[in-house]
Protein backbone atom coordinates (compact mmCIF):
# COMPACT_ATOMS: atom_id res chain seq x y z
CA MET A 1 18.98 -7.08 -8.09
CA ILE A 2 16.61 -6.78 -5.16
CA PRO A 3 14.06 -9.46 -6.05
CA PRO A 4 14.59 -12.33 -5.82
CA THR A 5 18.39 -12.66 -5.56
CA GLY A 6 18.99 -9.80 -3.15
CA LEU A 7 16.18 -10.89 -0.87
CA SER A 8 17.20 -14.56 -0.80
CA LYS A 9 20.86 -13.83 -0.09
CA GLU A 10 19.90 -11.45 2.70
CA ALA A 11 17.15 -13.71 4.05
CA GLY A 12 19.59 -16.59 4.41
CA ASP A 13 22.03 -14.32 6.23
CA TRP A 14 19.42 -12.76 8.53
CA LEU A 15 17.97 -16.13 9.56
CA GLN A 16 21.24 -17.02 11.26
CA GLY A 17 21.73 -13.86 13.30
CA PRO A 18 19.16 -13.94 16.11
CA HIS A 19 20.10 -17.32 17.60
CA LEU A 20 23.74 -17.87 16.66
CA TYR A 21 25.07 -16.80 20.05
CA THR A 22 22.31 -18.78 21.78
CA LEU A 23 23.07 -21.88 19.68
CA TYR A 24 26.71 -21.81 20.75
CA ASN A 25 25.60 -21.24 24.33
CA SER A 26 23.29 -24.29 24.13
CA TYR A 27 26.37 -26.37 23.25
CA ASN A 28 27.75 -25.33 26.67
CA PHE A 29 30.58 -23.23 25.27
CA SER A 30 31.88 -20.51 27.58
CA LYS A 31 31.54 -16.82 26.62
CA HIS A 32 35.24 -16.76 25.75
CA GLN A 33 34.92 -19.86 23.53
CA ILE A 34 31.97 -18.27 21.75
CA GLU A 35 33.99 -15.10 21.22
CA LEU A 36 36.84 -17.23 19.81
CA LEU A 37 34.45 -18.71 17.23
CA PHE A 38 33.52 -15.21 16.15
CA VAL A 39 37.24 -14.32 16.08
CA VAL A 40 37.83 -17.25 13.68
CA GLY A 41 35.16 -15.86 11.34
CA PHE A 42 36.49 -12.31 11.38
CA SER A 43 40.10 -13.52 11.06
CA SER A 44 39.07 -15.55 8.03
CA ALA A 45 37.58 -12.42 6.49
CA LEU A 46 40.76 -10.52 7.38
CA ILE A 47 43.10 -13.11 5.80
CA PHE A 48 41.12 -14.04 2.70
CA GLY A 49 39.00 -10.93 2.16
CA THR A 50 41.35 -8.90 -0.02
CA ALA A 51 42.12 -11.88 -2.26
CA ILE A 52 38.39 -12.61 -2.55
CA GLY A 53 37.76 -9.07 -3.77
CA THR A 54 40.56 -9.30 -6.32
CA PHE A 55 39.29 -12.64 -7.65
CA ALA A 56 35.79 -11.17 -7.88
CA ASP A 57 37.11 -8.42 -10.16
CA LYS A 58 39.30 -10.80 -12.18
CA LEU A 59 37.29 -14.06 -12.36
CA GLY A 60 33.79 -12.63 -12.30
CA ARG A 61 31.30 -11.19 -9.81
CA LYS A 62 28.60 -13.72 -10.76
CA PHE A 63 31.00 -16.60 -10.07
CA ASN A 64 31.85 -15.13 -6.66
CA CYS A 65 28.18 -14.72 -5.77
CA ILE A 66 27.60 -18.41 -6.53
CA LEU A 67 30.58 -19.26 -4.29
CA TYR A 68 28.91 -17.19 -1.57
CA GLY A 69 25.86 -19.46 -1.68
CA ILE A 70 27.96 -22.64 -1.65
CA PHE A 71 30.22 -21.57 1.23
CA TYR A 72 27.34 -20.29 3.36
CA THR A 73 25.35 -23.48 2.79
CA ILE A 74 28.26 -25.55 4.13
CA CYS A 75 28.59 -23.09 7.02
CA CYS A 76 24.93 -23.69 7.92
CA ILE A 77 25.43 -27.47 7.87
CA THR A 78 28.29 -27.24 10.38
CA LYS A 79 25.95 -25.64 12.93
CA HIS A 80 24.43 -29.09 13.58
CA TYR A 81 27.65 -30.33 15.21
CA ASN A 82 28.49 -29.73 18.87
CA ASN A 83 32.19 -29.68 18.07
CA PHE A 84 34.35 -26.59 18.39
CA PHE A 85 36.62 -27.43 15.44
CA VAL A 86 33.75 -28.27 13.06
CA LEU A 87 32.06 -25.02 14.02
CA ALA A 88 35.36 -23.19 13.49
CA VAL A 89 35.53 -24.53 9.92
CA GLY A 90 32.01 -23.20 9.40
CA CYS A 91 33.11 -19.83 10.78
CA ILE A 92 36.01 -19.72 8.31
CA LEU A 93 33.62 -20.29 5.41
CA GLY A 94 31.20 -17.78 6.91
CA GLY A 95 33.97 -15.16 7.07
CA VAL A 96 34.82 -15.65 3.40
CA SER A 97 31.11 -15.54 2.53
CA THR A 98 30.69 -12.24 4.35
CA CYS A 99 33.48 -10.69 2.26
CA ILE A 100 31.68 -11.77 -0.90
CA LEU A 101 28.31 -10.56 0.40
CA PHE A 102 29.57 -7.03 1.00
CA SER A 103 31.55 -6.62 -2.22
CA ALA A 104 30.70 -8.90 -5.16
CA PHE A 105 26.92 -8.31 -5.20
CA GLU A 106 27.24 -4.52 -5.06
CA SER A 107 30.07 -4.56 -7.63
CA TRP A 108 27.95 -6.66 -10.00
CA LEU A 109 25.02 -4.26 -9.60
CA ILE A 110 27.01 -1.07 -10.19
CA HIS A 111 28.83 -2.55 -13.20
CA ASP A 112 25.50 -3.59 -14.73
CA PHE A 113 24.12 -0.15 -13.85
CA ASN A 114 26.99 1.53 -15.72
CA ARG A 115 26.72 -0.91 -18.64
CA GLN A 116 23.13 0.22 -19.22
CA ASN A 117 24.16 3.91 -18.94
CA ILE A 118 21.62 4.64 -16.21
CA ASP A 119 21.89 8.00 -14.45
CA LYS A 120 24.19 7.57 -11.42
CA SER A 121 22.02 9.92 -9.37
CA LEU A 122 19.50 7.07 -9.14
CA LEU A 123 21.96 4.87 -7.23
CA GLY A 124 20.98 6.42 -3.91
CA ASN A 125 17.32 5.52 -4.49
CA ILE A 126 18.27 1.97 -5.47
CA PHE A 127 20.39 1.44 -2.36
CA SER A 128 17.77 3.04 -0.12
CA THR A 129 15.05 0.79 -1.57
CA SER A 130 17.38 -2.18 -1.18
CA VAL A 131 17.90 -1.41 2.52
CA LEU A 132 14.14 -0.91 2.95
CA CYS A 133 13.33 -4.29 1.35
CA ASN A 134 16.22 -5.90 3.19
CA SER A 135 14.84 -4.60 6.50
CA ILE A 136 11.39 -6.02 5.76
CA VAL A 137 12.99 -9.38 4.94
CA ALA A 138 15.07 -9.20 8.12
CA ILE A 139 11.96 -8.53 10.22
CA LEU A 140 10.18 -11.50 8.68
CA MET A 141 13.25 -13.73 9.02
CA GLY A 142 13.60 -12.78 12.68
CA LEU A 143 10.02 -13.92 13.27
CA VAL A 144 10.54 -17.07 11.18
CA ALA A 145 13.69 -17.84 13.15
CA GLN A 146 11.86 -17.37 16.46
CA LEU A 147 8.92 -19.57 15.43
CA SER A 148 11.17 -22.29 13.99
CA VAL A 149 13.35 -22.35 17.11
CA ASP A 150 10.31 -22.57 19.37
CA ALA A 151 8.95 -25.46 17.31
CA PHE A 152 12.04 -27.44 16.31
CA GLY A 153 15.17 -26.14 18.05
CA TYR A 154 18.11 -23.81 17.49
CA THR A 155 19.45 -25.43 14.30
CA THR A 156 16.22 -25.01 12.30
CA PRO A 157 16.89 -21.43 11.07
CA PHE A 158 20.18 -22.62 9.59
CA GLU A 159 18.41 -25.41 7.70
CA ILE A 160 15.96 -22.90 6.22
CA ALA A 161 18.85 -20.59 5.33
CA ALA A 162 20.64 -23.39 3.45
CA CYS A 163 17.51 -23.94 1.34
CA LEU A 164 17.35 -20.22 0.49
CA PHE A 165 21.00 -20.17 -0.53
CA PHE A 166 20.37 -23.11 -2.86
CA LEU A 167 17.48 -21.25 -4.54
CA MET A 168 19.68 -18.17 -4.87
CA ILE A 169 22.43 -20.19 -6.58
CA VAL A 170 19.94 -21.59 -9.09
CA TYR A 171 18.52 -18.14 -9.89
CA ILE A 172 21.93 -16.49 -10.34
CA THR A 173 23.19 -19.34 -12.52
CA TRP A 174 20.31 -19.03 -14.97
CA ASN A 175 19.52 -15.31 -14.94
CA TRP A 176 22.67 -13.24 -14.37
CA GLU A 177 25.22 -12.15 -16.95
CA GLU A 178 28.84 -12.33 -15.82
CA ASN A 179 30.77 -9.09 -15.43
CA TYR A 180 34.34 -8.34 -14.45
CA GLY A 181 36.68 -5.67 -13.21
CA SER A 182 40.17 -5.60 -14.68
CA GLN A 183 40.89 -9.00 -16.25
CA GLU A 184 44.11 -8.03 -18.00
CA THR A 185 46.08 -7.25 -14.85
CA SER A 186 47.47 -9.83 -12.46
CA VAL A 187 46.12 -10.31 -8.95
CA CYS A 188 49.17 -8.60 -7.43
CA LEU A 189 48.94 -5.68 -9.86
CA SER A 190 45.21 -5.34 -9.16
CA LEU A 191 45.95 -5.16 -5.44
CA GLY A 192 48.68 -2.62 -6.12
CA ASN A 193 46.31 -0.46 -8.17
CA ALA A 194 43.70 -0.61 -5.42
CA PHE A 195 46.19 0.42 -2.73
CA GLN A 196 47.51 3.18 -4.99
CA LEU A 197 43.98 4.55 -5.44
CA ILE A 198 43.45 4.62 -1.67
CA LYS A 199 46.85 6.24 -1.13
CA SER A 200 46.46 8.90 -3.82
CA ASP A 201 42.81 9.85 -3.33
CA TYR A 202 42.07 11.24 0.13
CA LYS A 203 38.34 10.98 -0.48
CA VAL A 204 38.65 7.22 -0.97
CA LEU A 205 40.89 6.97 2.11
CA CYS A 206 38.32 8.83 4.23
CA LEU A 207 35.55 6.65 2.84
CA GLY A 208 37.48 3.52 3.80
CA MET A 209 38.09 4.74 7.35
CA ILE A 210 34.43 5.72 7.79
CA GLN A 211 33.29 2.28 6.67
CA SER A 212 35.87 0.40 8.75
CA LEU A 213 35.25 2.31 11.97
CA PHE A 214 31.46 2.22 11.73
CA GLU A 215 31.14 -1.39 10.63
CA GLY A 216 33.76 -2.51 13.16
CA SER A 217 31.65 -0.99 15.94
CA MET A 218 28.50 -2.44 14.41
CA TYR A 219 29.86 -5.99 14.33
CA VAL A 220 31.06 -5.75 17.93
CA PHE A 221 27.55 -4.54 18.82
CA VAL A 222 26.09 -7.57 17.00
CA LEU A 223 28.10 -9.80 19.35
CA GLU A 224 27.39 -7.79 22.50
CA TRP A 225 23.69 -6.90 22.39
CA THR A 226 22.57 -10.37 23.50
CA PRO A 227 24.80 -10.62 26.62
CA SER A 228 24.12 -6.94 27.43
CA LEU A 229 20.34 -7.38 27.42
CA ASN A 230 20.67 -10.69 29.27
CA TYR A 231 22.69 -9.00 32.02
CA ALA A 232 20.05 -6.29 32.43
CA LYS A 233 17.30 -8.95 32.40
CA ASP A 234 19.03 -10.98 35.12
CA PHE A 235 19.45 -7.83 37.21
CA LEU A 236 15.65 -7.42 37.09
CA VAL A 237 15.28 -11.10 38.09
CA ILE A 238 13.32 -11.97 34.93
CA LYS A 239 13.37 -15.75 34.60
CA GLU A 240 11.91 -16.15 31.11
CA PRO A 241 14.41 -16.06 28.21
CA LEU A 242 14.29 -12.96 26.06
CA PRO A 243 12.55 -13.37 22.65
CA TYR A 244 15.72 -12.90 20.59
CA GLY A 245 13.99 -13.36 17.25
CA LEU A 246 11.38 -10.72 18.11
CA ILE A 247 14.05 -8.33 19.39
CA PHE A 248 16.01 -8.85 16.18
CA SER A 249 12.89 -8.08 14.13
CA ILE A 250 12.38 -4.85 16.07
CA PHE A 251 16.00 -3.93 15.39
CA MET A 252 15.40 -4.48 11.69
CA LEU A 253 12.25 -2.36 11.82
CA CYS A 254 14.47 0.45 13.09
CA VAL A 255 16.90 -0.17 10.21
CA MET A 256 13.94 0.16 7.83
CA ILE A 257 12.97 3.46 9.47
CA GLY A 258 16.57 4.58 9.03
CA SER A 259 16.49 3.82 5.30
CA TYR A 260 13.33 5.94 4.99
CA ILE A 261 15.04 8.79 6.89
CA PHE A 262 17.93 8.50 4.42
CA LYS A 263 15.53 9.14 1.53
CA ILE A 264 14.26 12.30 3.21
CA LEU A 265 17.71 13.59 4.18
CA SER A 266 19.30 12.85 0.78
CA GLN A 267 16.66 15.02 -0.92
CA LYS A 268 17.54 17.99 1.28
CA MET A 269 21.36 17.83 1.61
CA PRO A 270 24.39 15.89 0.40
CA VAL A 271 25.13 12.51 1.96
CA GLU A 272 28.62 13.79 2.84
CA SER A 273 26.99 16.42 5.05
CA PHE A 274 24.25 14.71 7.06
CA MET A 275 26.26 11.56 7.78
CA ARG A 276 28.49 13.59 10.12
CA TYR A 277 25.61 13.99 12.53
CA VAL A 278 24.28 10.47 12.09
CA LEU A 279 27.67 9.09 13.18
CA ILE A 280 27.71 11.32 16.27
CA VAL A 281 24.22 10.11 17.27
CA SER A 282 25.33 6.50 16.83
CA ALA A 283 28.34 7.15 19.10
CA VAL A 284 26.13 8.63 21.82
CA SER A 285 23.70 5.69 21.62
CA LEU A 286 26.51 3.23 22.39
CA MET A 287 27.61 5.33 25.36
CA VAL A 288 24.29 4.61 27.08
CA PRO A 289 25.31 1.07 28.23
CA LEU A 290 28.15 2.67 30.20
CA VAL A 291 25.67 4.56 32.39
CA PHE A 292 22.49 2.45 32.27
CA ARG A 293 23.83 -1.10 32.17
CA HIS A 294 21.19 -2.37 34.62
CA HIS A 295 18.23 -0.60 33.00
CA LEU A 296 16.79 -3.01 30.44
CA PHE A 297 14.34 -0.65 28.74
CA ILE A 298 16.71 2.34 28.53
CA LEU A 299 19.37 0.01 27.15
CA PHE A 300 16.96 -1.39 24.59
CA ALA A 301 15.87 2.12 23.53
CA ALA A 302 19.51 3.13 22.98
CA PHE A 303 20.08 0.04 20.86
CA LEU A 304 17.03 0.96 18.77
CA VAL A 305 18.49 4.41 18.09
CA PHE A 306 21.75 2.80 17.00
CA GLU A 307 19.87 0.53 14.58
CA VAL A 308 18.13 3.56 13.04
CA CYS A 309 21.62 4.99 12.43
CA VAL A 310 22.61 1.69 10.82
CA GLY A 311 19.61 2.03 8.50
CA ILE A 312 20.81 5.47 7.41
CA PHE A 313 24.43 4.31 7.11
CA TRP A 314 23.93 1.43 4.64
CA PRO A 315 22.43 3.36 1.70
CA SER A 316 24.72 6.31 2.49
CA ILE A 317 27.96 4.34 2.31
CA SER A 318 26.77 2.45 -0.78
CA THR A 319 25.96 5.75 -2.49
CA LEU A 320 29.39 7.15 -1.61
CA ARG A 321 31.14 3.99 -2.86
CA GLY A 322 29.23 4.22 -6.13
CA LYS A 323 30.38 7.82 -6.43
CA TYR A 324 34.07 7.55 -5.56
CA LEU A 325 35.28 4.00 -6.37
CA LYS A 326 36.50 2.99 -9.83
CA ASP A 327 34.69 0.07 -11.41
CA ASP A 328 37.77 -1.94 -12.45
CA THR A 329 38.99 -2.44 -8.86
CA ARG A 330 35.75 -1.86 -6.96
CA ALA A 331 35.46 -5.26 -5.21
CA THR A 332 39.18 -5.24 -4.38
CA VAL A 333 39.04 -1.79 -2.77
CA MET A 334 35.85 -2.66 -0.89
CA ASN A 335 37.53 -5.70 0.67
CA ILE A 336 40.65 -3.69 1.52
CA PHE A 337 38.30 -1.42 3.46
CA ARG A 338 37.33 -4.48 5.50
CA ILE A 339 40.91 -5.14 6.68
CA PRO A 340 40.89 -2.52 9.48
CA LEU A 341 37.25 -3.43 10.19
CA ASN A 342 38.17 -7.04 10.92
CA LEU A 343 41.28 -5.98 12.84
CA ILE A 344 39.11 -3.85 15.13
CA VAL A 345 36.70 -6.69 15.86
CA VAL A 346 39.39 -9.37 16.29
CA THR A 347 41.46 -7.13 18.60
CA ILE A 348 38.49 -6.34 20.82
CA LEU A 349 37.36 -9.97 21.04
CA LEU A 350 40.82 -11.45 21.63
CA SER A 351 41.54 -8.92 24.36
CA ASN A 352 38.65 -10.34 26.42
CA LEU A 353 37.74 -6.79 27.43
CA SER A 354 35.16 -5.81 29.99
CA HIS A 355 31.67 -4.64 29.04
CA ASP A 356 32.51 -0.97 29.65
CA VAL A 357 35.79 -1.01 27.71
CA ILE A 358 34.08 -2.65 24.72
CA PHE A 359 31.39 0.02 24.49
CA ILE A 360 33.94 2.80 25.08
CA SER A 361 35.93 1.39 22.15
CA CYS A 362 32.83 1.29 19.95
CA SER A 363 31.81 4.84 20.82
CA GLY A 364 35.36 6.10 20.27
CA SER A 365 35.49 4.42 16.86
CA LEU A 366 32.20 6.05 15.88
CA ILE A 367 33.45 9.48 16.95
CA LEU A 368 36.56 8.92 14.82
CA SER A 369 34.36 7.93 11.88
CA SER A 370 32.42 11.19 12.23
CA ILE A 371 35.73 13.10 12.11
CA PHE A 372 36.72 11.32 8.89
CA GLN A 373 33.23 12.04 7.54
CA HIS A 374 33.81 15.73 8.25
CA PHE A 375 37.14 15.53 6.39
CA LEU A 376 35.35 13.92 3.44
CA PHE A 377 32.71 16.65 3.51
CA ASN A 378 35.39 19.36 3.40
CA LEU A 379 37.24 17.61 0.55
CA CYS A 380 34.03 17.38 -1.48
CA GLN A 381 32.64 20.81 -0.62
CA GLU A 382 34.08 22.49 -3.70
CA ASN A 383 32.61 19.81 -5.99
CA LEU A 384 29.28 19.92 -4.16
CA ASP A 385 29.06 23.69 -4.55
CA SER A 386 29.92 23.57 -8.27
CA SER A 387 27.61 20.66 -9.18
CA PRO A 388 24.36 21.89 -10.78
CA SER A 389 22.35 18.98 -9.42
CA LEU A 390 23.61 19.47 -5.91
CA ASN A 391 23.36 23.25 -5.88
CA LYS A 392 19.65 22.73 -5.49
CA GLN A 393 20.20 20.86 -2.26
CA GLN A 394 20.55 22.53 1.08
CA THR A 395 24.14 22.41 2.31
CA ILE A 396 24.78 22.77 6.03
């Protein structure tokens, strides 16, 4: 799935990231108005996300992936309008698209993986390679975004992204086979089955909390790194604007390094084990802004460490989902996981919290995620010890 579909869907998404906050700022929106636009997007994901996952399982993952391209293309078009309500409509579509991005594509891949009876132990390598390729694309897209903004203005990356989404739609339409979850059950019954799985299987519950707490902190960080670095820059009386596209590319380089570290760690110990320490490191890295808010380079270094942790997290959580989630309700469960994630982000943004409180909340969430990761490790320890393939690995 990586080339070309995976790369085009990710490239279109990454093109928008570096200058989204700056685009809204160029329209003379206040920081609170900008945060409200992000709230609209996350609220959209919160409201529609679970239904989107259920429809992906019932109506087809391929169909949902095509919808992703259509919705995100319209979202990109709205960025040309200096109108809060038009931009809000785009954010609603963007929120729905994000739900599809983080569920339907992976569900399609794993279903196709199982259909071909490929050894599940290879999933970790596939996800790690995917993150590696994704990071390279993100680095390139950050540079493309910076160059296009310098040459033509803040809306140009969104125009390029729309073109990539169109190409992705064409490729999926002609080259993918459709696959489904449970088609026989109703939407309500599918939701009920998904909630029952989470309720009855503590490993799945822990997995959901780990994902929600980490990704909730990550998305808040995505919204806060630009104003945080700008504040430190202004304190140093630097007049030139920061090269956001270049900074974003450096972040993605760190994510790529993280995916490589995952490959090394996963060969030596179970994912359930080493992720406990990765989550603690990520929590510490987001405590740095509380102490060194005015120190641009220390702040930037801490953010780089956090991005390395993100690079380890993505293939790790994908591997764990492939291991513990049932195929018939996979997309539904994955979007249920995103409910607390979106609640965390929306609550923090609507509360209009101070810089320090926001980063305290993020660090606290990451510490909680490490605790749930430890619970998951303990729950799986008996299986890990009895598995012939994992007995060869070093358990700590």
